[in-house]
Amino acid sequence: MKTNNKMRKYYYFLFVAAGLIISLLSACNTLKNTITYDKGVIINGVKWATRNVSELGTFASTPEDNGNYYTWKDAQCACPKGWRLPTLSELASLVELDSKWNYKKKGREFISGDNTLFLPAAGYRLNGNNGVLNSEGQYANYWSSTPSINGLNSFYLHSYGSQIYLAISINRTNGYSVRCVKK
């Protein structure tokens, strides 16, 4: 009987350990990360990707493409190799720039000297990538890597027409866009 209990504990340990290893490997989707080149543009000393992230580790094909929608947790690992999610202060540096809403392209353009960065109004999805698409062509919501002080919420950039500001998301499972910065 003791041997049987020892074997059960051993198999249970192996099962738990295997599950933990699989979840760690898939946490940042390291097995599927495809690298796509983006030249980037320097804005306030930060090199910003010129395109949103589409599939994990892949940039969208053009600057106007919406890309994909990510929960805050998935956004932490969405950027291609050599790129990362911007911090709250990096997003704040965009808010301080001259910018304008481009009604033709449906998104916001940030201007810094000769450099311009366009963020499409991709809208957002409630409940991650599978939720209903809301406000496409109207809202531009972009995750930051910065959690709130209580650690339960996260900051993001919100833009709509003449409005642009940093906000706190009370629902990290909403699907927002991801724009990366160079590491």
Protein backbone atom coordinates (compact mmCIF):
# COMPACT_ATOMS: atom_id res chain seq x y z
CA MET A 1 0.00 0.00 0.00
CA LYS A 2 2.86 2.43 0.84
CA THR A 3 4.47 1.80 -2.54
CA ASN A 4 1.19 2.58 -4.27
CA ASN A 5 0.88 5.90 -2.42
CA LYS A 6 4.50 6.77 -3.22
CA MET A 7 3.88 6.05 -6.90
CA ARG A 8 0.75 8.23 -6.90
CA LYS A 9 2.65 11.09 -5.30
CA TYR A 10 5.45 10.64 -7.82
CA TYR A 11 3.07 10.68 -10.80
CA TYR A 12 1.19 13.65 -9.34
CA PHE A 13 4.48 15.51 -8.95
CA LEU A 14 5.45 14.72 -12.56
CA PHE A 15 2.03 15.86 -13.81
CA VAL A 16 2.25 19.17 -11.92
CA ALA A 17 5.87 19.73 -12.99
CA ALA A 18 5.06 19.03 -16.65
CA GLY A 19 2.12 21.45 -16.54
CA LEU A 20 4.31 24.13 -15.00
CA ILE A 21 7.02 23.70 -17.65
CA ILE A 22 4.48 23.83 -20.48
CA SER A 23 2.89 27.00 -19.09
CA LEU A 24 6.29 28.68 -18.72
CA LEU A 25 7.28 27.82 -22.28
CA SER A 26 4.01 29.08 -23.71
CA ALA A 27 3.82 32.20 -21.51
CA CYS A 28 5.63 34.26 -24.12
CA ASN A 29 4.93 31.90 -26.99
CA THR A 30 8.66 31.32 -27.41
CA LEU A 31 8.08 28.35 -29.69
CA LYS A 32 6.16 30.35 -32.33
CA ASN A 33 7.92 33.73 -32.20
CA THR A 34 8.46 34.86 -35.80
CA ILE A 35 10.74 37.84 -36.27
CA THR A 36 9.68 40.53 -38.74
CA TYR A 37 11.88 43.51 -39.51
CA ASP A 38 10.68 47.05 -38.80
CA LYS A 39 12.94 50.08 -39.35
CA GLY A 40 11.27 52.08 -36.58
CA VAL A 41 11.13 55.84 -36.11
CA ILE A 42 12.78 57.91 -33.35
CA ILE A 43 10.32 59.96 -31.28
CA ASN A 44 11.63 61.73 -28.14
CA GLY A 45 14.72 59.50 -28.10
CA VAL A 46 12.69 56.26 -28.25
CA LYS A 47 12.66 54.05 -31.34
CA TRP A 48 9.01 53.15 -32.05
CA ALA A 49 7.94 50.42 -34.46
CA THR A 50 6.07 51.86 -37.41
CA ARG A 51 3.46 49.07 -37.36
CA ASN A 52 1.23 47.31 -34.84
CA VAL A 53 1.76 43.69 -33.86
CA SER A 54 -0.36 41.20 -35.79
CA GLU A 55 0.33 37.60 -34.75
CA LEU A 56 2.61 37.08 -31.74
CA GLY A 57 6.11 38.19 -32.67
CA THR A 58 5.08 39.58 -36.06
CA PHE A 59 4.43 43.12 -37.21
CA ALA A 60 1.41 44.00 -39.35
CA SER A 61 2.10 44.35 -43.06
CA THR A 62 1.51 48.14 -43.22
CA PRO A 63 1.39 51.05 -40.74
CA GLU A 64 -2.37 51.39 -41.35
CA ASP A 65 -3.16 47.72 -40.51
CA ASN A 66 -4.87 47.30 -37.15
CA GLY A 67 -2.87 44.24 -36.23
CA ASN A 68 -4.25 41.94 -33.54
CA TYR A 69 -5.83 42.54 -30.14
CA TYR A 70 -4.13 41.39 -26.95
CA THR A 71 -5.01 41.06 -23.30
CA TRP A 72 -2.56 42.87 -21.04
CA LYS A 73 -0.91 39.59 -20.06
CA ASP A 74 -0.45 38.47 -23.68
CA ALA A 75 0.72 41.95 -24.70
CA GLN A 76 3.77 41.52 -22.44
CA CYS A 77 5.13 38.93 -24.88
CA ALA A 78 3.60 40.06 -28.19
CA CYS A 79 6.52 42.08 -29.58
CA PRO A 80 9.05 40.51 -31.95
CA LYS A 81 12.55 39.73 -30.74
CA GLY A 82 14.50 42.92 -29.99
CA TRP A 83 11.31 44.90 -29.29
CA ARG A 84 9.19 45.34 -26.15
CA LEU A 85 5.97 46.89 -24.90
CA PRO A 86 6.33 50.63 -24.08
CA THR A 87 6.29 51.88 -20.50
CA LEU A 88 3.78 54.38 -19.18
CA SER A 89 6.36 57.18 -19.39
CA GLU A 90 7.12 56.32 -23.03
CA LEU A 91 3.42 56.52 -23.90
CA ALA A 92 3.19 59.77 -21.90
CA SER A 93 5.95 61.22 -24.10
CA LEU A 94 3.66 60.67 -27.11
CA VAL A 95 0.75 62.44 -25.42
CA GLU A 96 2.96 65.51 -24.89
CA LEU A 97 3.82 65.76 -28.62
CA ASP A 98 2.01 67.66 -31.31
CA SER A 99 -0.48 65.25 -32.80
CA LYS A 100 -3.52 65.25 -34.99
CA TRP A 101 -6.35 62.89 -35.79
CA ASN A 102 -6.15 61.71 -39.39
CA TYR A 103 -9.78 61.27 -40.48
CA LYS A 104 -8.84 59.79 -43.85
CA LYS A 105 -6.55 57.09 -42.42
CA LYS A 106 -8.59 56.81 -39.18
CA GLY A 107 -5.96 57.18 -36.51
CA ARG A 108 -3.60 59.56 -34.71
CA GLU A 109 -0.36 60.98 -36.10
CA PHE A 110 2.36 62.09 -33.70
CA ILE A 111 4.88 64.59 -35.04
CA SER A 112 8.40 65.13 -33.72
CA GLY A 113 10.57 67.22 -36.03
CA ASP A 114 10.77 65.34 -39.33
CA ASN A 115 9.52 62.09 -37.78
CA THR A 116 5.90 60.98 -37.75
CA LEU A 117 4.32 58.01 -35.99
CA PHE A 118 0.84 56.80 -36.97
CA LEU A 119 -1.35 54.76 -34.61
CA PRO A 120 -4.44 53.34 -36.31
CA ALA A 121 -7.79 53.50 -34.53
CA ALA A 122 -8.10 49.73 -34.34
CA GLY A 123 -10.88 49.83 -31.76
CA TYR A 124 -10.86 47.22 -29.01
CA ARG A 125 -12.30 43.84 -28.09
CA LEU A 126 -14.00 42.99 -24.84
CA ASN A 127 -12.62 39.71 -23.47
CA GLY A 128 -9.41 39.58 -25.45
CA ASN A 129 -9.00 38.59 -29.08
CA ASN A 130 -12.26 36.62 -29.24
CA GLY A 131 -14.63 39.34 -28.05
CA VAL A 132 -16.83 41.61 -30.11
CA LEU A 133 -14.92 44.34 -31.98
CA ASN A 134 -15.94 47.81 -30.76
CA SER A 135 -15.23 51.32 -32.11
CA GLU A 136 -12.97 50.31 -35.01
CA GLY A 137 -11.97 53.49 -36.86
CA GLN A 138 -12.86 55.59 -33.80
CA TYR A 139 -10.76 54.52 -30.77
CA ALA A 140 -7.05 53.87 -30.56
CA ASN A 141 -6.19 51.92 -27.38
CA TYR A 142 -2.58 50.81 -26.85
CA TRP A 143 -1.26 48.82 -23.87
CA SER A 144 1.70 49.91 -21.76
CA SER A 145 3.85 47.47 -19.81
CA THR A 146 3.12 49.40 -16.61
CA PRO A 147 0.66 48.00 -14.06
CA SER A 148 -1.15 50.31 -11.65
CA ILE A 149 0.14 50.76 -8.10
CA ASN A 150 -2.26 48.12 -6.76
CA GLY A 151 -1.07 45.70 -9.46
CA LEU A 152 -4.62 44.83 -10.47
CA ASN A 153 -5.07 47.31 -13.32
CA SER A 154 -2.87 48.54 -16.16
CA PHE A 155 -2.22 51.74 -18.04
CA TYR A 156 -2.94 52.31 -21.71
CA LEU A 157 -3.02 55.16 -24.22
CA HIS A 158 -6.49 56.16 -25.46
CA SER A 159 -7.15 58.41 -28.44
CA TYR A 160 -10.40 59.46 -30.05
CA GLY A 161 -10.76 62.46 -32.37
CA SER A 162 -9.29 65.47 -30.55
CA GLN A 163 -8.91 63.53 -27.27
CA ILE A 164 -5.72 61.78 -26.24
CA TYR A 165 -4.85 60.68 -22.72
CA LEU A 166 -3.47 57.91 -20.55
CA ALA A 167 -6.06 55.77 -18.79
CA ILE A 168 -6.23 52.85 -16.37
CA SER A 169 -7.88 49.68 -17.59
CA ILE A 170 -9.89 47.92 -14.92
CA ASN A 171 -10.18 44.91 -17.19
CA ARG A 172 -6.88 43.42 -18.32
CA THR A 173 -8.76 40.89 -20.45
CA ASN A 174 -9.86 43.56 -22.93
CA GLY A 175 -8.12 43.24 -26.27
CA TYR A 176 -6.13 46.38 -27.14
CA SER A 177 -3.51 47.07 -29.79
CA VAL A 178 0.22 46.68 -29.27
CA ARG A 179 2.86 49.08 -30.59
CA CYS A 180 6.42 48.10 -29.69
CA VAL A 181 9.54 50.07 -28.86
CA LYS A 182 13.13 48.95 -29.48
CA LYS A 183 14.91 47.31 -26.53
